Amino acid sequence: MFVIPYTVTEEDYYRFSCHHAFTSRQGRRTLLTAQILLPVLLALIALAAAASDPAFLAVKLGALAAISVLWVVFAKRRMRRAIRKNLRRLKKSGRLPYSGSGTLTFGESEIAETGETGESRVPYSLVEKLDATDGGVYVYVGAMQAVLLPNACFADAAQRDALLAFLREKTGKTPVFTRE
């Protein structure tokens, strides 16, 4: 059994949101769509422009290709900025989607969270995925819901590894380690 007091900061939630956006199936699909959509639209514009003025086709294609390359290269940066902006907007409106602090108890049959908003219990059978990053441990209990454990709540790396081993045993899920 593990009892871990935690505090989730705005930066911790931002790191989780970025991790989710870049590693989840839906997030990767959204990023790929964002990377491909503008270049395809620009190619269609270039084809339409070629029919009207073939003399400037090379110049137009060069400019559109440069814009497309920059669009693809900076897609992740734009997505991170959008996540940060959304988080600021949620904070300003008082609707942050995480509890600030509390205690997580990893018992024999469930995860119990006691926090500012009350108490909740999640059986290990509902855990879908375990992710470990440079920022913390994320225990997914749904496609868009996870228990966030920032690295700051662990005494050391050994405690974090022991918790991951315990969760692997209880859930049957192997933690996925990713770098941010």
Protein backbone atom coordinates (compact mmCIF):
# COMPACT_ATOMS: atom_id res chain seq x y z
CA MET A 1 0.00 0.00 0.00
CA PHE A 2 1.18 3.48 -0.86
CA VAL A 3 -0.06 6.76 0.61
CA ILE A 4 1.20 9.74 -1.36
CA PRO A 5 0.36 13.35 -0.61
CA TYR A 6 0.40 15.40 -3.80
CA THR A 7 0.18 18.93 -5.10
CA VAL A 8 -0.60 19.51 -8.76
CA THR A 9 0.50 22.90 -10.05
CA GLU A 10 -0.51 24.66 -13.24
CA GLU A 11 2.85 23.66 -14.75
CA ASP A 12 2.28 20.00 -13.82
CA TYR A 13 -1.11 20.05 -15.53
CA TYR A 14 0.38 21.79 -18.57
CA ARG A 15 3.06 19.05 -18.84
CA PHE A 16 0.39 16.37 -18.58
CA SER A 17 -1.76 18.09 -21.22
CA CYS A 18 1.19 18.29 -23.62
CA HIS A 19 2.09 14.66 -22.94
CA HIS A 20 -1.49 13.60 -23.62
CA ALA A 21 -1.72 15.74 -26.76
CA PHE A 22 1.44 14.26 -28.26
CA THR A 23 1.09 10.62 -27.18
CA SER A 24 -2.62 9.81 -27.25
CA ARG A 25 -4.18 8.45 -30.41
CA GLN A 26 -6.55 11.41 -30.75
CA GLY A 27 -3.81 13.94 -29.98
CA ARG A 28 -1.45 12.47 -32.59
CA ARG A 29 -4.28 12.49 -35.13
CA THR A 30 -5.04 16.15 -34.37
CA LEU A 31 -1.37 17.09 -34.73
CA LEU A 32 -1.04 15.19 -38.00
CA THR A 33 -4.18 16.86 -39.34
CA ALA A 34 -2.83 20.27 -38.35
CA GLN A 35 0.49 19.51 -40.04
CA ILE A 36 -1.06 18.27 -43.28
CA LEU A 37 -4.12 20.47 -43.75
CA LEU A 38 -2.44 23.77 -44.63
CA PRO A 39 0.13 22.29 -47.06
CA VAL A 40 -2.67 20.48 -48.90
CA LEU A 41 -4.74 23.66 -49.10
CA LEU A 42 -1.72 25.60 -50.32
CA ALA A 43 -1.06 22.95 -52.99
CA LEU A 44 -4.63 23.31 -54.21
CA ILE A 45 -4.24 27.10 -54.33
CA ALA A 46 -1.00 26.67 -56.30
CA LEU A 47 -2.73 24.42 -58.82
CA ALA A 48 -5.55 26.92 -59.24
CA ALA A 49 -3.04 29.78 -59.61
CA ALA A 50 -1.03 27.82 -62.19
CA ALA A 51 -4.03 27.72 -64.46
CA SER A 52 -4.46 31.48 -64.33
CA ASP A 53 -0.81 32.62 -64.50
CA PRO A 54 1.80 29.97 -65.43
CA ALA A 55 4.63 32.55 -65.61
CA PHE A 56 4.82 32.94 -61.83
CA LEU A 57 4.21 29.29 -61.01
CA ALA A 58 7.77 28.60 -59.78
CA VAL A 59 7.78 31.66 -57.52
CA LYS A 60 4.37 30.81 -56.09
CA LEU A 61 5.28 27.17 -55.55
CA GLY A 62 8.52 28.17 -53.81
CA ALA A 63 6.74 30.56 -51.46
CA LEU A 64 3.96 28.08 -50.71
CA ALA A 65 6.50 25.29 -50.11
CA ALA A 66 8.43 27.49 -47.65
CA ILE A 67 5.22 28.35 -45.79
CA SER A 68 4.26 24.67 -45.71
CA VAL A 69 7.63 23.59 -44.31
CA LEU A 70 7.48 26.23 -41.57
CA TRP A 71 3.90 25.20 -40.76
CA VAL A 72 4.90 21.54 -40.32
CA VAL A 73 8.09 22.29 -38.37
CA PHE A 74 6.39 24.57 -35.85
CA ALA A 75 3.16 22.58 -35.41
CA LYS A 76 4.12 21.19 -31.98
CA ARG A 77 5.13 24.63 -30.75
CA ARG A 78 1.79 26.07 -31.87
CA MET A 79 -0.04 23.23 -30.15
CA ARG A 80 1.90 23.79 -26.89
CA ARG A 81 1.06 27.50 -27.07
CA ALA A 82 -2.64 26.69 -27.61
CA ILE A 83 -2.62 24.35 -24.58
CA ARG A 84 -0.97 27.06 -22.42
CA LYS A 85 -3.48 29.66 -23.64
CA ASN A 86 -6.43 27.35 -22.92
CA LEU A 87 -5.09 26.64 -19.43
CA ARG A 88 -4.79 30.39 -18.72
CA ARG A 89 -8.36 30.91 -19.91
CA LEU A 90 -9.63 28.09 -17.67
CA LYS A 91 -7.71 29.52 -14.70
CA LYS A 92 -9.11 33.00 -15.31
CA SER A 93 -12.67 31.64 -15.40
CA GLY A 94 -12.06 29.54 -12.26
CA ARG A 95 -12.68 26.20 -14.00
CA LEU A 96 -9.32 24.44 -13.66
CA PRO A 97 -9.78 20.73 -14.47
CA TYR A 98 -7.59 19.43 -11.63
CA SER A 99 -7.58 19.52 -7.86
CA GLY A 100 -4.66 21.38 -6.35
CA SER A 101 -3.65 19.04 -3.56
CA GLY A 102 -4.72 15.96 -1.68
CA THR A 103 -3.71 12.42 -0.84
CA LEU A 104 -3.66 9.35 -3.05
CA THR A 105 -3.90 5.95 -1.42
CA PHE A 106 -2.98 2.96 -3.55
CA GLY A 107 -4.62 0.11 -1.67
CA GLU A 108 -5.08 -3.56 -2.40
CA SER A 109 -8.11 -3.18 -4.69
CA GLU A 110 -8.42 0.50 -5.59
CA ILE A 111 -6.94 3.95 -5.82
CA ALA A 112 -8.54 6.37 -3.35
CA GLU A 113 -8.10 10.10 -3.82
CA THR A 114 -8.94 12.55 -1.07
CA GLY A 115 -8.64 16.12 -2.25
CA GLU A 116 -10.07 19.60 -2.14
CA THR A 117 -13.15 18.51 -4.11
CA GLY A 118 -13.96 15.41 -2.04
CA GLU A 119 -13.11 11.75 -2.20
CA SER A 120 -13.15 9.33 -5.12
CA ARG A 121 -12.27 5.69 -5.55
CA VAL A 122 -11.19 3.92 -8.72
CA PRO A 123 -10.78 0.13 -8.89
CA TYR A 124 -7.60 -1.06 -10.58
CA SER A 125 -9.72 -2.83 -13.21
CA LEU A 126 -10.61 0.60 -14.66
CA VAL A 127 -6.98 1.63 -15.20
CA GLU A 128 -6.41 1.78 -18.95
CA LYS A 129 -2.80 2.90 -19.20
CA LEU A 130 0.26 3.80 -17.13
CA ASP A 131 2.61 6.50 -18.42
CA ALA A 132 5.81 7.71 -16.80
CA THR A 133 7.61 10.82 -18.03
CA ASP A 134 10.23 13.28 -16.87
CA GLY A 135 7.35 15.25 -15.33
CA GLY A 136 5.62 12.50 -13.39
CA VAL A 137 3.43 9.40 -13.46
CA TYR A 138 0.03 9.42 -15.17
CA VAL A 139 -2.48 6.69 -14.34
CA TYR A 140 -5.17 6.80 -17.04
CA VAL A 141 -8.60 5.73 -15.81
CA GLY A 142 -10.35 6.80 -19.02
CA ALA A 143 -9.53 8.09 -22.46
CA MET A 144 -9.37 11.69 -21.22
CA GLN A 145 -8.97 11.26 -17.46
CA ALA A 146 -5.86 10.45 -15.46
CA VAL A 147 -4.50 10.57 -11.95
CA LEU A 148 -1.50 12.94 -12.06
CA LEU A 149 1.46 12.26 -9.81
CA PRO A 150 4.14 14.92 -10.37
CA ASN A 151 7.70 13.82 -9.61
CA ALA A 152 7.79 16.35 -6.75
CA CYS A 153 5.42 14.17 -4.72
CA PHE A 154 7.88 11.27 -4.64
CA ALA A 155 10.65 11.15 -2.03
CA ASP A 156 13.06 9.75 -4.62
CA ALA A 157 13.25 7.73 -7.83
CA ALA A 158 13.13 4.47 -5.85
CA GLN A 159 9.69 5.34 -4.44
CA ARG A 160 8.45 6.20 -7.92
CA ASP A 161 9.78 2.92 -9.33
CA ALA A 162 8.25 0.96 -6.44
CA LEU A 163 4.85 2.55 -7.11
CA LEU A 164 5.11 1.74 -10.82
CA ALA A 165 5.98 -1.89 -10.00
CA PHE A 166 3.01 -2.03 -7.59
CA LEU A 167 0.68 -0.59 -10.24
CA ARG A 168 1.99 -3.02 -12.86
CA GLU A 169 1.20 -5.89 -10.49
CA LYS A 170 -2.30 -4.60 -9.61
CA THR A 171 -3.39 -3.53 -13.11
CA GLY A 172 -1.52 -5.91 -15.37
CA LYS A 173 -0.47 -2.85 -17.43
CA THR A 174 3.14 -2.15 -18.28
CA PRO A 175 4.14 1.48 -17.75
CA VAL A 176 5.19 3.34 -20.89
CA PHE A 177 8.23 5.56 -20.31
CA THR A 178 8.49 8.64 -22.53
CA ARG A 179 10.73 11.69 -22.55
CA GLU A 180 9.21 15.13 -22.75
